[in-house]
Amino acid sequence: MKVWIHIRRVLTQTVKRFADRYGLDPATIKIQLEQPKFENQGDFATPVAMGLARPLKRPPISIAEEIAGMLDS
């Protein structure tokens, strides 16, 4: 369970930086961390990009890629 807590903390911090970059209120972004239904889809999943697609008027995949890139920095 410690891994889930750490991943959620890192995701929350990264989404906050992403929200600040685009002038969004981080408190309005629902951050969920899930286990994918199928093992070949990875260890963790989050619908954060889907929730940000409409307000940002961007495809969710481009949002997800940008957030993923921010995880490395």
PDB file of N, CA and C in Angstrom:
ATOM      1  N   MET A   1       0.806  -1.211   0.000  1.00  0.00           N
ATOM      2  CA  MET A   1       0.000   0.000   0.000  1.00  0.00           C
ATOM      3  C   MET A   1       0.849   1.276   0.000  1.00  0.00           C
ATOM      4  N   LYS A   2       2.075   1.192   0.522  1.00  0.00           N
ATOM      5  CA  LYS A   2       2.925   2.379   0.545  1.00  0.00           C
ATOM      6  C   LYS A   2       3.177   2.913  -0.856  1.00  0.00           C
ATOM      7  N   VAL A   3       3.283   2.016  -1.826  1.00  0.00           N
ATOM      8  CA  VAL A   3       3.524   2.447  -3.207  1.00  0.00           C
ATOM      9  C   VAL A   3       2.356   3.281  -3.698  1.00  0.00           C
ATOM     10  N   TRP A   4       1.140   2.847  -3.426  1.00  0.00           N
ATOM     11  CA  TRP A   4      -0.048   3.596  -3.856  1.00  0.00           C
ATOM     12  C   TRP A   4      -0.054   4.997  -3.254  1.00  0.00           C
ATOM     13  N   ILE A   5       0.307   5.101  -1.993  1.00  0.00           N
ATOM     14  CA  ILE A   5       0.338   6.408  -1.324  1.00  0.00           C
ATOM     15  C   ILE A   5       1.380   7.306  -1.983  1.00  0.00           C
ATOM     16  N   HIS A   6       2.552   6.758  -2.252  1.00  0.00           N
ATOM     17  CA  HIS A   6       3.617   7.541  -2.888  1.00  0.00           C
ATOM     18  C   HIS A   6       3.207   7.976  -4.301  1.00  0.00           C
ATOM     19  N   ILE A   7       2.662   7.057  -5.086  1.00  0.00           N
ATOM     20  CA  ILE A   7       2.243   7.386  -6.452  1.00  0.00           C
ATOM     21  C   ILE A   7       1.151   8.461  -6.427  1.00  0.00           C
ATOM     22  N   ARG A   8       0.215   8.336  -5.526  1.00  0.00           N
ATOM     23  CA  ARG A   8      -0.860   9.340  -5.421  1.00  0.00           C
ATOM     24  C   ARG A   8      -0.290  10.713  -5.049  1.00  0.00           C
ATOM     25  N   ARG A   9       0.681  10.729  -4.138  1.00  0.00           N
ATOM     26  CA  ARG A   9       1.291  11.996  -3.722  1.00  0.00           C
ATOM     27  C   ARG A   9       2.020  12.654  -4.897  1.00  0.00           C
ATOM     28  N   VAL A  10       2.804  11.863  -5.626  1.00  0.00           N
ATOM     29  CA  VAL A  10       3.535  12.388  -6.786  1.00  0.00           C
ATOM     30  C   VAL A  10       2.556  12.869  -7.853  1.00  0.00           C
ATOM     31  N   LEU A  11       1.518  12.097  -8.119  1.00  0.00           N
ATOM     32  CA  LEU A  11       0.514  12.492  -9.108  1.00  0.00           C
ATOM     33  C   LEU A  11      -0.174  13.793  -8.696  1.00  0.00           C
ATOM     34  N   THR A  12      -0.534  13.894  -7.434  1.00  0.00           N
ATOM     35  CA  THR A  12      -1.198  15.111  -6.942  1.00  0.00           C
ATOM     36  C   THR A  12      -0.307  16.332  -7.110  1.00  0.00           C
ATOM     37  N   GLN A  13       0.963  16.210  -6.757  1.00  0.00           N
ATOM     38  CA  GLN A  13       1.904  17.331  -6.896  1.00  0.00           C
ATOM     39  C   GLN A  13       2.085  17.716  -8.360  1.00  0.00           C
ATOM     40  N   THR A  14       2.152  16.721  -9.229  1.00  0.00           N
ATOM     41  CA  THR A  14       2.357  16.986 -10.655  1.00  0.00           C
ATOM     42  C   THR A  14       1.121  17.634 -11.268  1.00  0.00           C
ATOM     43  N   VAL A  15      -0.050  17.154 -10.916  1.00  0.00           N
ATOM     44  CA  VAL A  15      -1.286  17.745 -11.445  1.00  0.00           C
ATOM     45  C   VAL A  15      -1.435  19.178 -10.935  1.00  0.00           C
ATOM     46  N   LYS A  16      -1.009  19.451  -9.715  1.00  0.00           N
ATOM     47  CA  LYS A  16      -1.061  20.826  -9.200  1.00  0.00           C
ATOM     48  C   LYS A  16      -0.169  21.735 -10.039  1.00  0.00           C
ATOM     49  N   ARG A  17       1.046  21.272 -10.359  1.00  0.00           N
ATOM     50  CA  ARG A  17       1.942  22.083 -11.209  1.00  0.00           C
ATOM     51  C   ARG A  17       1.330  22.286 -12.592  1.00  0.00           C
ATOM     52  N   PHE A  18       0.705  21.235 -13.132  1.00  0.00           N
ATOM     53  CA  PHE A  18       0.047  21.325 -14.433  1.00  0.00           C
ATOM     54  C   PHE A  18      -1.090  22.353 -14.365  1.00  0.00           C
ATOM     55  N   ALA A  19      -1.894  22.285 -13.320  1.00  0.00           N
ATOM     56  CA  ALA A  19      -3.016  23.222 -13.158  1.00  0.00           C
ATOM     57  C   ALA A  19      -2.504  24.660 -13.054  1.00  0.00           C
ATOM     58  N   ASP A  20      -1.450  24.871 -12.297  1.00  0.00           N
ATOM     59  CA  ASP A  20      -0.871  26.213 -12.167  1.00  0.00           C
ATOM     60  C   ASP A  20      -0.404  26.739 -13.522  1.00  0.00           C
ATOM     61  N   ARG A  21       0.172  25.858 -14.325  1.00  0.00           N
ATOM     62  CA  ARG A  21       0.667  26.229 -15.647  1.00  0.00           C
ATOM     63  C   ARG A  21      -0.462  26.765 -16.529  1.00  0.00           C
ATOM     64  N   TYR A  22      -1.653  26.220 -16.361  1.00  0.00           N
ATOM     65  CA  TYR A  22      -2.782  26.600 -17.217  1.00  0.00           C
ATOM     66  C   TYR A  22      -3.832  27.461 -16.501  1.00  0.00           C
ATOM     67  N   GLY A  23      -3.508  27.938 -15.320  1.00  0.00           N
ATOM     68  CA  GLY A  23      -4.406  28.818 -14.600  1.00  0.00           C
ATOM     69  C   GLY A  23      -5.671  28.129 -14.097  1.00  0.00           C
ATOM     70  N   LEU A  24      -5.578  26.857 -13.830  1.00  0.00           N
ATOM     71  CA  LEU A  24      -6.722  26.109 -13.306  1.00  0.00           C
ATOM     72  C   LEU A  24      -6.619  26.019 -11.786  1.00  0.00           C
ATOM     73  N   ASP A  25      -7.755  25.909 -11.136  1.00  0.00           N
ATOM     74  CA  ASP A  25      -7.775  25.732  -9.692  1.00  0.00           C
ATOM     75  C   ASP A  25      -7.562  24.256  -9.380  1.00  0.00           C
ATOM     76  N   PRO A  26      -6.423  23.893  -8.778  1.00  0.00           N
ATOM     77  CA  PRO A  26      -6.145  22.479  -8.519  1.00  0.00           C
ATOM     78  C   PRO A  26      -7.185  21.821  -7.627  1.00  0.00           C
ATOM     79  N   ALA A  27      -7.853  22.613  -6.792  1.00  0.00           N
ATOM     80  CA  ALA A  27      -8.863  22.051  -5.890  1.00  0.00           C
ATOM     81  C   ALA A  27     -10.071  21.502  -6.646  1.00  0.00           C
ATOM     82  N   THR A  28     -10.260  21.941  -7.885  1.00  0.00           N
ATOM     83  CA  THR A  28     -11.410  21.471  -8.662  1.00  0.00           C
ATOM     84  C   THR A  28     -11.103  20.215  -9.477  1.00  0.00           C
ATOM     85  N   ILE A  29      -9.856  19.768  -9.433  1.00  0.00           N
ATOM     86  CA  ILE A  29      -9.452  18.595 -10.219  1.00  0.00           C
ATOM     87  C   ILE A  29      -9.521  17.350  -9.333  1.00  0.00           C
ATOM     88  N   LYS A  30     -10.373  16.429  -9.733  1.00  0.00           N
ATOM     89  CA  LYS A  30     -10.528  15.185  -8.980  1.00  0.00           C
ATOM     90  C   LYS A  30      -9.414  14.222  -9.391  1.00  0.00           C
ATOM     91  N   ILE A  31      -8.608  13.846  -8.431  1.00  0.00           N
ATOM     92  CA  ILE A  31      -7.485  12.961  -8.714  1.00  0.00           C
ATOM     93  C   ILE A  31      -7.810  11.569  -8.183  1.00  0.00           C
ATOM     94  N   GLN A  32      -7.943  10.647  -9.110  1.00  0.00           N
ATOM     95  CA  GLN A  32      -8.201   9.256  -8.775  1.00  0.00           C
ATOM     96  C   GLN A  32      -7.019   8.425  -9.252  1.00  0.00           C
ATOM     97  N   LEU A  33      -6.716   7.403  -8.518  1.00  0.00           N
ATOM     98  CA  LEU A  33      -5.689   6.458  -8.906  1.00  0.00           C
ATOM     99  C   LEU A  33      -6.333   5.080  -8.889  1.00  0.00           C
ATOM    100  N   GLU A  34      -6.227   4.382 -10.004  1.00  0.00           N
ATOM    101  CA  GLU A  34      -6.911   3.107 -10.154  1.00  0.00           C
ATOM    102  C   GLU A  34      -5.940   2.033 -10.629  1.00  0.00           C
ATOM    103  N   GLN A  35      -6.360   0.812 -10.450  1.00  0.00           N
ATOM    104  CA  GLN A  35      -5.632  -0.309 -11.027  1.00  0.00           C
ATOM    105  C   GLN A  35      -6.354  -0.668 -12.322  1.00  0.00           C
ATOM    106  N   PRO A  36      -5.651  -0.704 -13.458  1.00  0.00           N
ATOM    107  CA  PRO A  36      -6.299  -1.034 -14.729  1.00  0.00           C
ATOM    108  C   PRO A  36      -6.953  -2.416 -14.688  1.00  0.00           C
ATOM    109  N   LYS A  37      -7.986  -2.590 -15.497  1.00  0.00           N
ATOM    110  CA  LYS A  37      -8.696  -3.870 -15.551  1.00  0.00           C
ATOM    111  C   LYS A  37      -7.818  -4.981 -16.120  1.00  0.00           C
ATOM    112  N   PHE A  38      -6.939  -4.632 -17.043  1.00  0.00           N
ATOM    113  CA  PHE A  38      -6.096  -5.620 -17.708  1.00  0.00           C
ATOM    114  C   PHE A  38      -4.627  -5.369 -17.374  1.00  0.00           C
ATOM    115  N   GLU A  39      -3.900  -6.434 -17.088  1.00  0.00           N
ATOM    116  CA  GLU A  39      -2.492  -6.311 -16.702  1.00  0.00           C
ATOM    117  C   GLU A  39      -1.627  -5.643 -17.764  1.00  0.00           C
ATOM    118  N   ASN A  40      -1.958  -5.824 -19.035  1.00  0.00           N
ATOM    119  CA  ASN A  40      -1.136  -5.249 -20.104  1.00  0.00           C
ATOM    120  C   ASN A  40      -1.321  -3.735 -20.231  1.00  0.00           C
ATOM    121  N   GLN A  41      -2.185  -3.153 -19.399  1.00  0.00           N
ATOM    122  CA  GLN A  41      -2.403  -1.703 -19.429  1.00  0.00           C
ATOM    123  C   GLN A  41      -1.596  -0.972 -18.365  1.00  0.00           C
ATOM    124  N   GLY A  42      -0.694  -1.676 -17.700  1.00  0.00           N
ATOM    125  CA  GLY A  42       0.165  -1.049 -16.713  1.00  0.00           C
ATOM    126  C   GLY A  42      -0.255  -1.338 -15.290  1.00  0.00           C
ATOM    127  N   ASP A  43       0.435  -0.715 -14.352  1.00  0.00           N
ATOM    128  CA  ASP A  43       0.185  -0.954 -12.932  1.00  0.00           C
ATOM    129  C   ASP A  43      -0.787   0.051 -12.333  1.00  0.00           C
ATOM    130  N   PHE A  44      -0.807   1.269 -12.869  1.00  0.00           N
ATOM    131  CA  PHE A  44      -1.648   2.333 -12.342  1.00  0.00           C
ATOM    132  C   PHE A  44      -2.343   3.057 -13.491  1.00  0.00           C
ATOM    133  N   ALA A  45      -3.489   3.641 -13.193  1.00  0.00           N
ATOM    134  CA  ALA A  45      -4.217   4.441 -14.185  1.00  0.00           C
ATOM    135  C   ALA A  45      -4.906   5.598 -13.465  1.00  0.00           C
ATOM    136  N   THR A  46      -5.160   6.657 -14.209  1.00  0.00           N
ATOM    137  CA  THR A  46      -5.892   7.794 -13.666  1.00  0.00           C
ATOM    138  C   THR A  46      -6.698   8.454 -14.785  1.00  0.00           C
ATOM    139  N   PRO A  47      -7.946   8.843 -14.487  1.00  0.00           N
ATOM    140  CA  PRO A  47      -8.753   9.533 -15.491  1.00  0.00           C
ATOM    141  C   PRO A  47      -8.586  11.058 -15.470  1.00  0.00           C
ATOM    142  N   VAL A  48      -7.518  11.550 -14.863  1.00  0.00           N
ATOM    143  CA  VAL A  48      -7.308  12.997 -14.734  1.00  0.00           C
ATOM    144  C   VAL A  48      -7.356  13.694 -16.092  1.00  0.00           C
ATOM    145  N   ALA A  49      -6.681  13.145 -17.083  1.00  0.00           N
ATOM    146  CA  ALA A  49      -6.633  13.790 -18.409  1.00  0.00           C
ATOM    147  C   ALA A  49      -8.028  13.873 -19.030  1.00  0.00           C
ATOM    148  N   MET A  50      -8.851  12.863 -18.804  1.00  0.00           N
ATOM    149  CA  MET A  50     -10.221  12.890 -19.339  1.00  0.00           C
ATOM    150  C   MET A  50     -11.008  14.047 -18.725  1.00  0.00           C
ATOM    151  N   GLY A  51     -10.810  14.252 -17.432  1.00  0.00           N
ATOM    152  CA  GLY A  51     -11.515  15.334 -16.747  1.00  0.00           C
ATOM    153  C   GLY A  51     -11.037  16.723 -17.140  1.00  0.00           C
ATOM    154  N   LEU A  52      -9.816  16.834 -17.618  1.00  0.00           N
ATOM    155  CA  LEU A  52      -9.268  18.141 -18.005  1.00  0.00           C
ATOM    156  C   LEU A  52      -9.466  18.454 -19.486  1.00  0.00           C
ATOM    157  N   ALA A  53      -9.864  17.464 -20.267  1.00  0.00           N
ATOM    158  CA  ALA A  53      -9.985  17.654 -21.714  1.00  0.00           C
ATOM    159  C   ALA A  53     -10.979  18.753 -22.081  1.00  0.00           C
ATOM    160  N   ARG A  54     -12.138  18.736 -21.488  1.00  0.00           N
ATOM    161  CA  ARG A  54     -13.158  19.735 -21.830  1.00  0.00           C
ATOM    162  C   ARG A  54     -12.745  21.153 -21.429  1.00  0.00           C
ATOM    163  N   PRO A  55     -12.344  21.388 -20.170  1.00  0.00           N
ATOM    164  CA  PRO A  55     -11.963  22.759 -19.820  1.00  0.00           C
ATOM    165  C   PRO A  55     -10.791  23.306 -20.633  1.00  0.00           C
ATOM    166  N   LEU A  56      -9.872  22.428 -21.006  1.00  0.00           N
ATOM    167  CA  LEU A  56      -8.706  22.879 -21.770  1.00  0.00           C
ATOM    168  C   LEU A  56      -8.916  22.819 -23.277  1.00  0.00           C
ATOM    169  N   LYS A  57     -10.035  22.206 -23.688  1.00  0.00           N
ATOM    170  CA  LYS A  57     -10.339  22.063 -25.122  1.00  0.00           C
ATOM    171  C   LYS A  57      -9.168  21.404 -25.858  1.00  0.00           C
ATOM    172  N   ARG A  58      -8.680  20.309 -25.263  1.00  0.00           N
ATOM    173  CA  ARG A  58      -7.561  19.551 -25.825  1.00  0.00           C
ATOM    174  C   ARG A  58      -7.880  18.068 -25.757  1.00  0.00           C
ATOM    175  N   PRO A  59      -7.290  17.286 -26.635  1.00  0.00           N
ATOM    176  CA  PRO A  59      -7.479  15.836 -26.552  1.00  0.00           C
ATOM    177  C   PRO A  59      -6.857  15.290 -25.256  1.00  0.00           C
ATOM    178  N   PRO A  60      -7.531  14.347 -24.611  1.00  0.00           N
ATOM    179  CA  PRO A  60      -6.997  13.789 -23.368  1.00  0.00           C
ATOM    180  C   PRO A  60      -5.593  13.192 -23.519  1.00  0.00           C
ATOM    181  N   ILE A  61      -5.304  12.612 -24.665  1.00  0.00           N
ATOM    182  CA  ILE A  61      -3.985  12.000 -24.845  1.00  0.00           C
ATOM    183  C   ILE A  61      -2.868  13.039 -24.777  1.00  0.00           C
ATOM    184  N   SER A  62      -3.114  14.230 -25.312  1.00  0.00           N
ATOM    185  CA  SER A  62      -2.065  15.261 -25.259  1.00  0.00           C
ATOM    186  C   SER A  62      -1.882  15.767 -23.823  1.00  0.00           C
ATOM    187  N   ILE A  63      -2.963  15.825 -23.075  1.00  0.00           N
ATOM    188  CA  ILE A  63      -2.880  16.225 -21.668  1.00  0.00           C
ATOM    189  C   ILE A  63      -2.118  15.154 -20.882  1.00  0.00           C
ATOM    190  N   ALA A  64      -2.479  13.894 -21.111  1.00  0.00           N
ATOM    191  CA  ALA A  64      -1.812  12.784 -20.416  1.00  0.00           C
ATOM    192  C   ALA A  64      -0.322  12.755 -20.723  1.00  0.00           C
ATOM    193  N   GLU A  65       0.028  12.973 -21.972  1.00  0.00           N
ATOM    194  CA  GLU A  65       1.441  12.983 -22.349  1.00  0.00           C
ATOM    195  C   GLU A  65       2.200  14.118 -21.677  1.00  0.00           C
ATOM    196  N   GLU A  66       1.564  15.281 -21.586  1.00  0.00           N
ATOM    197  CA  GLU A  66       2.221  16.410 -20.945  1.00  0.00           C
ATOM    198  C   GLU A  66       2.418  16.161 -19.440  1.00  0.00           C
ATOM    199  N   ILE A  67       1.375  15.634 -18.792  1.00  0.00           N
ATOM    200  CA  ILE A  67       1.493  15.327 -17.367  1.00  0.00           C
ATOM    201  C   ILE A  67       2.553  14.250 -17.151  1.00  0.00           C
ATOM    202  N   ALA A  68       2.557  13.226 -17.996  1.00  0.00           N
ATOM    203  CA  ALA A  68       3.569  12.175 -17.874  1.00  0.00           C
ATOM    204  C   ALA A  68       4.967  12.745 -18.033  1.00  0.00           C
ATOM    205  N   GLY A  69       5.135  13.679 -18.949  1.00  0.00           N
ATOM    206  CA  GLY A  69       6.430  14.334 -19.129  1.00  0.00           C
ATOM    207  C   GLY A  69       6.843  15.139 -17.911  1.00  0.00           C
ATOM    208  N   MET A  70       5.879  15.698 -17.229  1.00  0.00           N
ATOM    209  CA  MET A  70       6.168  16.472 -16.029  1.00  0.00           C
ATOM    210  C   MET A  70       6.552  15.573 -14.843  1.00  0.00           C
ATOM    211  N   LEU A  71       6.147  14.321 -14.893  1.00  0.00           N
ATOM    212  CA  LEU A  71       6.507  13.376 -13.826  1.00  0.00           C
ATOM    213  C   LEU A  71       8.016  13.152 -13.789  1.00  0.00           C
ATOM    214  N   ASP A  72       8.650  13.275 -14.926  1.00  0.00           N
ATOM    215  CA  ASP A  72      10.081  13.051 -15.015  1.00  0.00           C
ATOM    216  C   ASP A  72      10.896  14.260 -14.547  1.00  0.00           C
ATOM    217  N   SER A  73      10.248  15.418 -14.477  1.00  0.00           N
ATOM    218  CA  SER A  73      11.008  16.629 -14.126  1.00  0.00           C
ATOM    219  C   SER A  73      10.810  17.049 -12.689  1.00  0.00           C
TER     220      SER A  73
END
